[in-house]
PDB file of N, CA and C in Angstrom:
ATOM      1  N   MET A   1       0.909  -1.215  -0.103  1.00  0.00           N
ATOM      2  CA  MET A   1      -0.182  -0.057  -0.001  1.00  0.00           C
ATOM      3  C   MET A   1       0.946   1.125   0.080  1.00  0.00           C
ATOM      4  N   ALA A   2       0.516   2.257  -0.781  1.00  0.00           N
ATOM      5  CA  ALA A   2       1.230   3.317  -0.751  1.00  0.00           C
ATOM      6  C   ALA A   2       0.417   4.446  -0.833  1.00  0.00           C
ATOM      7  N   VAL A   3       0.763   5.496   0.106  1.00  0.00           N
ATOM      8  CA  VAL A   3       0.165   6.976   0.194  1.00  0.00           C
ATOM      9  C   VAL A   3       1.301   7.764  -0.479  1.00  0.00           C
ATOM     10  N   ASN A   4       1.044   8.864  -1.460  1.00  0.00           N
ATOM     11  CA  ASN A   4       2.092   9.827  -1.697  1.00  0.00           C
ATOM     12  C   ASN A   4       2.739   9.346  -2.617  1.00  0.00           C
ATOM     13  N   THR A   5       2.151   8.592  -3.655  1.00  0.00           N
ATOM     14  CA  THR A   5       3.032   8.272  -4.915  1.00  0.00           C
ATOM     15  C   THR A   5       2.838   9.134  -5.962  1.00  0.00           C
ATOM     16  N   ASP A   6       3.448   8.651  -7.408  1.00  0.00           N
ATOM     17  CA  ASP A   6       3.240   9.590  -8.508  1.00  0.00           C
ATOM     18  C   ASP A   6       1.876   9.548  -8.819  1.00  0.00           C
ATOM     19  N   LEU A   7       0.962   8.746  -8.560  1.00  0.00           N
ATOM     20  CA  LEU A   7      -0.661   8.711  -8.784  1.00  0.00           C
ATOM     21  C   LEU A   7      -1.369   9.619  -7.925  1.00  0.00           C
ATOM     22  N   ASN A   8      -0.823   9.879  -6.569  1.00  0.00           N
ATOM     23  CA  ASN A   8      -1.423  10.621  -5.685  1.00  0.00           C
ATOM     24  C   ASN A   8      -0.282  11.447  -4.827  1.00  0.00           C
ATOM     25  N   PRO A   9       0.426  12.448  -5.615  1.00  0.00           N
ATOM     26  CA  PRO A   9       1.359  13.087  -4.855  1.00  0.00           C
ATOM     27  C   PRO A   9       0.963  14.088  -4.005  1.00  0.00           C
ATOM     28  N   ASP A  10       1.726  14.448  -3.019  1.00  0.00           N
ATOM     29  CA  ASP A  10       1.431  15.412  -1.991  1.00  0.00           C
ATOM     30  C   ASP A  10       1.609  16.827  -2.677  1.00  0.00           C
ATOM     31  N   GLU A  11       2.713  16.950  -3.651  1.00  0.00           N
ATOM     32  CA  GLU A  11       3.030  18.084  -4.199  1.00  0.00           C
ATOM     33  C   GLU A  11       3.687  17.647  -5.699  1.00  0.00           C
ATOM     34  N   PHE A  12       3.570  18.815  -6.498  1.00  0.00           N
ATOM     35  CA  PHE A  12       4.166  18.569  -7.878  1.00  0.00           C
ATOM     36  C   PHE A  12       5.621  18.882  -8.104  1.00  0.00           C
ATOM     37  N   ASN A  13       6.544  17.942  -8.222  1.00  0.00           N
ATOM     38  CA  ASN A  13       7.688  18.105  -8.642  1.00  0.00           C
ATOM     39  C   ASN A  13       8.224  17.115  -9.562  1.00  0.00           C
ATOM     40  N   THR A  14       8.732  17.592 -10.425  1.00  0.00           N
ATOM     41  CA  THR A  14       9.088  16.865 -11.760  1.00  0.00           C
ATOM     42  C   THR A  14       9.863  15.662 -11.412  1.00  0.00           C
ATOM     43  N   GLU A  15      11.000  16.010 -10.668  1.00  0.00           N
ATOM     44  CA  GLU A  15      12.227  14.776 -10.381  1.00  0.00           C
ATOM     45  C   GLU A  15      11.366  14.126  -9.349  1.00  0.00           C
ATOM     46  N   GLU A  16      10.784  14.366  -8.389  1.00  0.00           N
ATOM     47  CA  GLU A  16      10.077  13.595  -7.313  1.00  0.00           C
ATOM     48  C   GLU A  16       9.072  12.634  -8.081  1.00  0.00           C
ATOM     49  N   ILE A  17       8.292  13.266  -8.879  1.00  0.00           N
ATOM     50  CA  ILE A  17       7.178  12.212  -9.459  1.00  0.00           C
ATOM     51  C   ILE A  17       7.996  11.427 -10.309  1.00  0.00           C
ATOM     52  N   TYR A  18       8.912  11.629 -11.089  1.00  0.00           N
ATOM     53  CA  TYR A  18       9.833  10.618 -11.835  1.00  0.00           C
ATOM     54  C   TYR A  18      10.339   9.542 -10.939  1.00  0.00           C
ATOM     55  N   ASN A  19      10.872   9.892  -9.836  1.00  0.00           N
ATOM     56  CA  ASN A  19      11.404   8.938  -9.006  1.00  0.00           C
ATOM     57  C   ASN A  19      10.388   8.025  -8.299  1.00  0.00           C
ATOM     58  N   LYS A  20       9.228   8.481  -8.091  1.00  0.00           N
ATOM     59  CA  LYS A  20       8.119   7.812  -7.575  1.00  0.00           C
ATOM     60  C   LYS A  20       7.567   6.781  -8.764  1.00  0.00           C
ATOM     61  N   GLN A  21       7.584   7.358  -9.930  1.00  0.00           N
ATOM     62  CA  GLN A  21       7.097   6.399 -11.039  1.00  0.00           C
ATOM     63  C   GLN A  21       8.090   5.096 -11.005  1.00  0.00           C
ATOM     64  N   GLN A  22       9.173   5.484 -11.120  1.00  0.00           N
ATOM     65  CA  GLN A  22      10.341   4.275 -11.052  1.00  0.00           C
ATOM     66  C   GLN A  22      10.117   3.329  -9.756  1.00  0.00           C
ATOM     67  N   LEU A  23       9.913   3.850  -8.765  1.00  0.00           N
ATOM     68  CA  LEU A  23       9.506   3.171  -7.371  1.00  0.00           C
ATOM     69  C   LEU A  23       8.329   2.367  -7.482  1.00  0.00           C
ATOM     70  N   ARG A  24       7.364   2.862  -8.163  1.00  0.00           N
ATOM     71  CA  ARG A  24       5.983   2.251  -8.250  1.00  0.00           C
ATOM     72  C   ARG A  24       6.266   1.054  -9.264  1.00  0.00           C
ATOM     73  N   SER A  25       6.998   1.218 -10.461  1.00  0.00           N
ATOM     74  CA  SER A  25       7.314   0.337 -11.445  1.00  0.00           C
ATOM     75  C   SER A  25       7.897  -1.035 -10.890  1.00  0.00           C
ATOM     76  N   ARG A  26       8.731  -0.634 -10.131  1.00  0.00           N
ATOM     77  CA  ARG A  26       9.250  -1.839  -9.110  1.00  0.00           C
ATOM     78  C   ARG A  26       8.470  -2.579  -8.387  1.00  0.00           C
ATOM     79  N   ILE A  27       7.774  -1.797  -7.612  1.00  0.00           N
ATOM     80  CA  ILE A  27       6.891  -2.607  -6.682  1.00  0.00           C
ATOM     81  C   ILE A  27       5.735  -3.284  -7.412  1.00  0.00           C
ATOM     82  N   GLU A  28       5.219  -2.840  -8.648  1.00  0.00           N
ATOM     83  CA  GLU A  28       4.400  -3.545  -9.250  1.00  0.00           C
ATOM     84  C   GLU A  28       5.222  -4.937  -9.999  1.00  0.00           C
ATOM     85  N   VAL A  29       6.052  -4.713 -10.349  1.00  0.00           N
ATOM     86  CA  VAL A  29       6.664  -5.972 -10.893  1.00  0.00           C
ATOM     87  C   VAL A  29       7.010  -7.159  -9.804  1.00  0.00           C
ATOM     88  N   LEU A  30       7.541  -6.742  -8.724  1.00  0.00           N
ATOM     89  CA  LEU A  30       7.575  -7.577  -7.505  1.00  0.00           C
ATOM     90  C   LEU A  30       6.207  -8.069  -6.960  1.00  0.00           C
ATOM     91  N   ALA A  31       5.191  -7.343  -7.152  1.00  0.00           N
ATOM     92  CA  ALA A  31       3.999  -7.722  -6.896  1.00  0.00           C
ATOM     93  C   ALA A  31       3.383  -8.707  -7.811  1.00  0.00           C
ATOM     94  N   SER A  32       3.648  -8.628  -9.036  1.00  0.00           N
ATOM     95  CA  SER A  32       3.236  -9.221 -10.173  1.00  0.00           C
ATOM     96  C   SER A  32       4.104 -10.630  -9.935  1.00  0.00           C
ATOM     97  N   ALA A  33       5.153 -10.553  -9.994  1.00  0.00           N
ATOM     98  CA  ALA A  33       6.275 -11.889  -9.463  1.00  0.00           C
ATOM     99  C   ALA A  33       5.916 -12.632  -8.413  1.00  0.00           C
ATOM    100  N   SER A  34       5.219 -11.881  -7.554  1.00  0.00           N
ATOM    101  CA  SER A  34       4.935 -12.801  -6.191  1.00  0.00           C
ATOM    102  C   SER A  34       3.522 -13.399  -5.864  1.00  0.00           C
ATOM    103  N   GLY A  35       2.499 -12.953  -6.865  1.00  0.00           N
ATOM    104  CA  GLY A  35       1.302 -13.114  -6.981  1.00  0.00           C
ATOM    105  C   GLY A  35       0.643 -12.053  -5.958  1.00  0.00           C
ATOM    106  N   GLY A  36       1.270 -10.890  -5.786  1.00  0.00           N
ATOM    107  CA  GLY A  36       0.528  -9.997  -5.006  1.00  0.00           C
ATOM    108  C   GLY A  36      -0.151  -8.949  -5.781  1.00  0.00           C
ATOM    109  N   ARG A  37      -0.500  -8.070  -5.132  1.00  0.00           N
ATOM    110  CA  ARG A  37      -1.056  -6.888  -5.787  1.00  0.00           C
ATOM    111  C   ARG A  37      -0.674  -5.399  -5.183  1.00  0.00           C
ATOM    112  N   VAL A  38      -0.788  -4.408  -5.875  1.00  0.00           N
ATOM    113  CA  VAL A  38      -0.434  -2.992  -5.305  1.00  0.00           C
ATOM    114  C   VAL A  38      -1.632  -2.172  -5.341  1.00  0.00           C
ATOM    115  N   VAL A  39      -1.821  -1.620  -4.304  1.00  0.00           N
ATOM    116  CA  VAL A  39      -2.941  -0.480  -4.010  1.00  0.00           C
ATOM    117  C   VAL A  39      -2.546   0.647  -3.687  1.00  0.00           C
ATOM    118  N   PHE A  40      -3.281   1.606  -4.205  1.00  0.00           N
ATOM    119  CA  PHE A  40      -2.705   3.242  -4.009  1.00  0.00           C
ATOM    120  C   PHE A  40      -3.787   3.935  -3.281  1.00  0.00           C
ATOM    121  N   PRO A  41      -4.030   4.045  -1.795  1.00  0.00           N
ATOM    122  CA  PRO A  41      -4.874   4.733  -1.247  1.00  0.00           C
ATOM    123  C   PRO A  41      -4.678   6.180  -1.422  1.00  0.00           C
ATOM    124  N   LYS A  42      -5.759   7.014  -1.512  1.00  0.00           N
ATOM    125  CA  LYS A  42      -5.544   8.495  -1.671  1.00  0.00           C
ATOM    126  C   LYS A  42      -5.198   9.115  -0.425  1.00  0.00           C
ATOM    127  N   LYS A  43      -5.772   8.574   0.788  1.00  0.00           N
ATOM    128  CA  LYS A  43      -5.759   9.372   2.124  1.00  0.00           C
ATOM    129  C   LYS A  43      -5.344   8.274   3.210  1.00  0.00           C
ATOM    130  N   PRO A  44      -4.416   8.446   4.059  1.00  0.00           N
ATOM    131  CA  PRO A  44      -4.035   7.587   4.951  1.00  0.00           C
ATOM    132  C   PRO A  44      -5.314   6.733   5.655  1.00  0.00           C
ATOM    133  N   ASP A  45      -6.256   7.534   5.748  1.00  0.00           N
ATOM    134  CA  ASP A  45      -7.564   6.745   6.448  1.00  0.00           C
ATOM    135  C   ASP A  45      -8.043   5.858   5.730  1.00  0.00           C
ATOM    136  N   GLU A  46      -7.932   5.580   4.413  1.00  0.00           N
ATOM    137  CA  GLU A  46      -8.134   4.495   3.452  1.00  0.00           C
ATOM    138  C   GLU A  46      -7.527   3.028   3.879  1.00  0.00           C
ATOM    139  N   VAL A  47      -6.223   3.320   4.534  1.00  0.00           N
ATOM    140  CA  VAL A  47      -5.423   2.015   4.675  1.00  0.00           C
ATOM    141  C   VAL A  47      -6.053   0.971   5.734  1.00  0.00           C
ATOM    142  N   VAL A  48      -6.873   1.494   6.477  1.00  0.00           N
ATOM    143  CA  VAL A  48      -7.479   0.633   7.438  1.00  0.00           C
ATOM    144  C   VAL A  48      -8.405  -0.345   6.487  1.00  0.00           C
ATOM    145  N   LYS A  49      -9.073   0.087   5.798  1.00  0.00           N
ATOM    146  CA  LYS A  49     -10.136  -0.727   5.179  1.00  0.00           C
ATOM    147  C   LYS A  49      -9.302  -1.860   4.133  1.00  0.00           C
ATOM    148  N   LEU A  50      -8.158  -1.314   3.569  1.00  0.00           N
ATOM    149  CA  LEU A  50      -7.168  -2.037   2.804  1.00  0.00           C
ATOM    150  C   LEU A  50      -6.682  -3.479   3.710  1.00  0.00           C
ATOM    151  N   TYR A  51      -6.224  -3.071   5.057  1.00  0.00           N
ATOM    152  CA  TYR A  51      -5.788  -4.145   5.752  1.00  0.00           C
ATOM    153  C   TYR A  51      -6.865  -5.064   6.278  1.00  0.00           C
ATOM    154  N   GLU A  52      -8.176  -4.572   6.460  1.00  0.00           N
ATOM    155  CA  GLU A  52      -9.347  -5.333   6.609  1.00  0.00           C
ATOM    156  C   GLU A  52      -9.386  -6.288   5.450  1.00  0.00           C
ATOM    157  N   GLN A  53      -9.230  -5.886   4.324  1.00  0.00           N
ATOM    158  CA  GLN A  53      -9.618  -6.626   3.153  1.00  0.00           C
ATOM    159  C   GLN A  53      -8.275  -7.776   3.011  1.00  0.00           C
ATOM    160  N   LEU A  54      -7.296  -7.325   3.087  1.00  0.00           N
ATOM    161  CA  LEU A  54      -5.870  -8.074   3.240  1.00  0.00           C
ATOM    162  C   LEU A  54      -6.376  -9.158   4.416  1.00  0.00           C
ATOM    163  N   ALA A  55      -6.708  -9.064   5.483  1.00  0.00           N
ATOM    164  CA  ALA A  55      -6.879 -10.167   6.699  1.00  0.00           C
ATOM    165  C   ALA A  55      -7.812 -10.754   6.008  1.00  0.00           C
ATOM    166  N   HIS A  56      -9.037 -10.538   5.559  1.00  0.00           N
ATOM    167  CA  HIS A  56     -10.212 -11.261   4.862  1.00  0.00           C
ATOM    168  C   HIS A  56      -9.486 -12.291   3.794  1.00  0.00           C
ATOM    169  N   ASP A  57      -8.622 -11.646   2.944  1.00  0.00           N
ATOM    170  CA  ASP A  57      -8.214 -12.593   1.761  1.00  0.00           C
ATOM    171  C   ASP A  57      -7.275 -13.522   2.498  1.00  0.00           C
ATOM    172  N   LEU A  58      -6.478 -13.315   3.391  1.00  0.00           N
ATOM    173  CA  LEU A  58      -5.527 -14.470   4.106  1.00  0.00           C
ATOM    174  C   LEU A  58      -6.371 -15.271   4.636  1.00  0.00           C
ATOM    175  N   GLY A  59      -7.451 -15.025   5.353  1.00  0.00           N
ATOM    176  CA  GLY A  59      -8.254 -16.074   5.982  1.00  0.00           C
ATOM    177  C   GLY A  59      -9.270 -16.911   5.294  1.00  0.00           C
ATOM    178  N   THR A  60      -9.329 -16.430   3.961  1.00  0.00           N
ATOM    179  CA  THR A  60     -10.070 -17.442   3.055  1.00  0.00           C
ATOM    180  C   THR A  60      -9.264 -17.885   1.784  1.00  0.00           C
ATOM    181  N   SER A  61      -7.893 -17.871   2.273  1.00  0.00           N
ATOM    182  CA  SER A  61      -7.357 -18.601   0.889  1.00  0.00           C
ATOM    183  C   SER A  61      -6.534 -19.844   1.179  1.00  0.00           C
ATOM    184  N   TYR A  62      -6.071 -20.457   0.221  1.00  0.00           N
ATOM    185  CA  TYR A  62      -5.337 -21.900   0.245  1.00  0.00           C
ATOM    186  C   TYR A  62      -4.150 -21.463  -0.379  1.00  0.00           C
ATOM    187  N   SER A  63      -3.035 -22.282   0.083  1.00  0.00           N
ATOM    188  CA  SER A  63      -1.705 -22.472  -0.877  1.00  0.00           C
ATOM    189  C   SER A  63      -1.461 -23.840  -1.443  1.00  0.00           C
ATOM    190  N   LEU A  64      -0.866 -23.791  -2.426  1.00  0.00           N
ATOM    191  CA  LEU A  64      -0.623 -25.107  -3.194  1.00  0.00           C
ATOM    192  C   LEU A  64       0.763 -25.435  -3.352  1.00  0.00           C
ATOM    193  N   GLY A  65       1.189 -26.397  -2.916  1.00  0.00           N
ATOM    194  CA  GLY A  65       2.663 -26.729  -3.289  1.00  0.00           C
ATOM    195  C   GLY A  65       2.668 -27.664  -4.443  1.00  0.00           C
ATOM    196  N   TYR A  66       3.713 -27.600  -5.202  1.00  0.00           N
ATOM    197  CA  TYR A  66       3.874 -28.354  -6.554  1.00  0.00           C
ATOM    198  C   TYR A  66       5.428 -29.146  -6.545  1.00  0.00           C
ATOM    199  N   VAL A  67       5.475 -30.273  -6.846  1.00  0.00           N
ATOM    200  CA  VAL A  67       6.678 -30.998  -7.069  1.00  0.00           C
ATOM    201  C   VAL A  67       6.562 -31.628  -8.310  1.00  0.00           C
ATOM    202  N   PRO A  68       7.448 -31.259  -9.516  1.00  0.00           N
ATOM    203  CA  PRO A  68       7.516 -31.690 -10.761  1.00  0.00           C
ATOM    204  C   PRO A  68       7.646 -33.272 -10.898  1.00  0.00           C
ATOM    205  N   THR A  69       7.118 -33.952 -11.619  1.00  0.00           N
ATOM    206  CA  THR A  69       7.324 -35.417 -11.935  1.00  0.00           C
ATOM    207  C   THR A  69       8.658 -35.449 -12.851  1.00  0.00           C
ATOM    208  N   ASN A  70       8.966 -34.413 -13.512  1.00  0.00           N
ATOM    209  CA  ASN A  70      10.141 -34.415 -14.373  1.00  0.00           C
ATOM    210  C   ASN A  70      11.411 -33.767 -13.546  1.00  0.00           C
ATOM    211  N   VAL A  71      12.136 -34.697 -13.188  1.00  0.00           N
ATOM    212  CA  VAL A  71      13.279 -34.021 -12.261  1.00  0.00           C
ATOM    213  C   VAL A  71      14.451 -33.665 -12.842  1.00  0.00           C
ATOM    214  N   ALA A  72      14.573 -33.549 -14.177  1.00  0.00           N
ATOM    215  CA  ALA A  72      15.611 -33.295 -15.010  1.00  0.00           C
ATOM    216  C   ALA A  72      15.901 -31.803 -14.846  1.00  0.00           C
ATOM    217  N   ARG A  73      17.241 -31.539 -14.242  1.00  0.00           N
ATOM    218  CA  ARG A  73      17.501 -29.936 -14.077  1.00  0.00           C
ATOM    219  C   ARG A  73      18.134 -29.660 -15.500  1.00  0.00           C
ATOM    220  N   ASP A  74      17.406 -29.411 -16.394  1.00  0.00           N
ATOM    221  CA  ASP A  74      18.160 -29.206 -17.781  1.00  0.00           C
ATOM    222  C   ASP A  74      18.057 -27.805 -18.117  1.00  0.00           C
ATOM    223  N   GLY A  75      17.476 -26.579 -17.458  1.00  0.00           N
ATOM    224  CA  GLY A  75      17.544 -25.367 -17.722  1.00  0.00           C
ATOM    225  C   GLY A  75      16.354 -24.837 -18.522  1.00  0.00           C
ATOM    226  N   THR A  76      15.360 -26.037 -18.826  1.00  0.00           N
ATOM    227  CA  THR A  76      14.198 -25.555 -19.484  1.00  0.00           C
ATOM    228  C   THR A  76      13.037 -24.839 -18.673  1.00  0.00           C
ATOM    229  N   TYR A  77      12.286 -23.680 -19.383  1.00  0.00           N
ATOM    230  CA  TYR A  77      11.329 -23.324 -18.588  1.00  0.00           C
ATOM    231  C   TYR A  77      10.064 -24.236 -18.832  1.00  0.00           C
ATOM    232  N   ARG A  78       9.287 -24.220 -17.782  1.00  0.00           N
ATOM    233  CA  ARG A  78       8.212 -25.202 -17.558  1.00  0.00           C
ATOM    234  C   ARG A  78       7.052 -24.438 -17.263  1.00  0.00           C
ATOM    235  N   LYS A  79       5.889 -24.331 -17.645  1.00  0.00           N
ATOM    236  CA  LYS A  79       4.780 -23.721 -17.503  1.00  0.00           C
ATOM    237  C   LYS A  79       4.050 -24.539 -16.478  1.00  0.00           C
ATOM    238  N   ILE A  80       3.397 -23.483 -15.668  1.00  0.00           N
ATOM    239  CA  ILE A  80       2.719 -24.209 -14.319  1.00  0.00           C
ATOM    240  C   ILE A  80       1.258 -23.659 -14.664  1.00  0.00           C
ATOM    241  N   GLU A  81       0.239 -24.563 -14.698  1.00  0.00           N
ATOM    242  CA  GLU A  81      -1.013 -24.242 -15.307  1.00  0.00           C
ATOM    243  C   GLU A  81      -2.113 -24.816 -14.117  1.00  0.00           C
ATOM    244  N   VAL A  82      -2.855 -23.837 -13.350  1.00  0.00           N
ATOM    245  CA  VAL A  82      -3.878 -24.520 -12.270  1.00  0.00           C
ATOM    246  C   VAL A  82      -5.107 -24.125 -12.795  1.00  0.00           C
ATOM    247  N   ARG A  83      -5.925 -24.889 -12.867  1.00  0.00           N
ATOM    248  CA  ARG A  83      -7.496 -24.915 -13.273  1.00  0.00           C
ATOM    249  C   ARG A  83      -8.323 -25.153 -12.111  1.00  0.00           C
ATOM    250  N   LEU A  84      -9.298 -24.568 -12.278  1.00  0.00           N
ATOM    251  CA  LEU A  84     -10.442 -24.551 -11.283  1.00  0.00           C
ATOM    252  C   LEU A  84     -11.686 -25.105 -11.606  1.00  0.00           C
ATOM    253  N   ARG A  85     -12.308 -26.031 -10.917  1.00  0.00           N
ATOM    254  CA  ARG A  85     -13.597 -26.664 -11.440  1.00  0.00           C
ATOM    255  C   ARG A  85     -14.706 -25.478 -11.088  1.00  0.00           C
ATOM    256  N   ASP A  86     -14.745 -25.112  -9.980  1.00  0.00           N
ATOM    257  CA  ASP A  86     -15.577 -24.060  -9.522  1.00  0.00           C
ATOM    258  C   ASP A  86     -15.277 -22.726  -9.982  1.00  0.00           C
ATOM    259  N   ARG A  87     -15.895 -22.168 -10.879  1.00  0.00           N
ATOM    260  CA  ARG A  87     -15.825 -20.912 -11.534  1.00  0.00           C
ATOM    261  C   ARG A  87     -15.965 -19.796 -10.577  1.00  0.00           C
ATOM    262  N   SER A  88     -16.850 -20.051  -9.571  1.00  0.00           N
ATOM    263  CA  SER A  88     -16.999 -18.880  -8.512  1.00  0.00           C
ATOM    264  C   SER A  88     -15.894 -18.512  -7.733  1.00  0.00           C
ATOM    265  N   LEU A  89     -14.933 -19.466  -7.697  1.00  0.00           N
ATOM    266  CA  LEU A  89     -13.637 -19.123  -6.961  1.00  0.00           C
ATOM    267  C   LEU A  89     -12.431 -18.250  -7.799  1.00  0.00           C
ATOM    268  N   ARG A  90     -11.653 -17.790  -7.194  1.00  0.00           N
ATOM    269  CA  ARG A  90     -10.719 -16.782  -7.641  1.00  0.00           C
ATOM    270  C   ARG A  90      -9.386 -17.430  -7.533  1.00  0.00           C
ATOM    271  N   LEU A  91      -8.503 -17.419  -8.694  1.00  0.00           N
ATOM    272  CA  LEU A  91      -7.326 -18.041  -8.571  1.00  0.00           C
ATOM    273  C   LEU A  91      -6.334 -16.616  -8.710  1.00  0.00           C
ATOM    274  N   ARG A  92      -5.386 -16.573  -7.606  1.00  0.00           N
ATOM    275  CA  ARG A  92      -4.288 -15.901  -7.761  1.00  0.00           C
ATOM    276  C   ARG A  92      -2.923 -16.697  -7.844  1.00  0.00           C
ATOM    277  N   GLN A  93      -2.378 -16.851  -8.727  1.00  0.00           N
ATOM    278  CA  GLN A  93      -1.196 -17.867  -8.921  1.00  0.00           C
ATOM    279  C   GLN A  93       0.142 -16.712  -9.162  1.00  0.00           C
ATOM    280  N   SER A  94       1.187 -17.394  -8.097  1.00  0.00           N
ATOM    281  CA  SER A  94       2.302 -16.464  -7.715  1.00  0.00           C
ATOM    282  C   SER A  94       3.259 -16.383  -8.919  1.00  0.00           C
ATOM    283  N   ARG A  95       3.204 -17.438  -9.700  1.00  0.00           N
ATOM    284  CA  ARG A  95       3.950 -17.490 -10.982  1.00  0.00           C
ATOM    285  C   ARG A  95       3.397 -18.447 -12.147  1.00  0.00           C
ATOM    286  N   GLU A  96       3.906 -18.032 -13.331  1.00  0.00           N
ATOM    287  CA  GLU A  96       3.303 -18.757 -14.561  1.00  0.00           C
ATOM    288  C   GLU A  96       4.171 -20.062 -14.848  1.00  0.00           C
ATOM    289  N   GLY A  97       5.372 -19.908 -14.269  1.00  0.00           N
ATOM    290  CA  GLY A  97       6.233 -21.348 -14.529  1.00  0.00           C
ATOM    291  C   GLY A  97       7.582 -21.148 -13.702  1.00  0.00           C
ATOM    292  N   TYR A  98       8.543 -22.035 -14.190  1.00  0.00           N
ATOM    293  CA  TYR A  98       9.840 -21.969 -13.472  1.00  0.00           C
ATOM    294  C   TYR A  98      10.930 -22.407 -14.578  1.00  0.00           C
ATOM    295  N   THR A  99      12.300 -22.325 -14.048  1.00  0.00           N
ATOM    296  CA  THR A  99      13.275 -22.662 -14.906  1.00  0.00           C
ATOM    297  C   THR A  99      13.918 -23.905 -14.030  1.00  0.00           C
ATOM    298  N   ALA A 100      13.834 -25.143 -14.664  1.00  0.00           N
ATOM    299  CA  ALA A 100      14.572 -26.255 -14.179  1.00  0.00           C
ATOM    300  C   ALA A 100      16.100 -26.196 -13.876  1.00  0.00           C
ATOM    301  N   ARG A 101      16.260 -26.075 -12.841  1.00  0.00           N
ATOM    302  CA  ARG A 101      17.755 -26.019 -12.360  1.00  0.00           C
ATOM    303  C   ARG A 101      18.259 -26.889 -11.324  1.00  0.00           C
TER     304      ARG A 101
END
């Protein structure tokens, strides 16, 4: 969660906005790679609702582990695909695949 970002700055300063854009980009890449998400509250008091949502999400989620049957460490990229039978459920997958090393 981030307050005072390039999307909702306290003041307009070109260099500071640029630096915040770079920071936001890195945070978004990290969130995407780890299965997370980034939210940008406009005011500090909005953070409480976001933490409540986070607590709800963590309390109603499952984690799955995966062990490949192909144990060859040949450096190839292997895609991971998770399918849900129940379409009412949401899937947040932390990564799309891995490199066998």
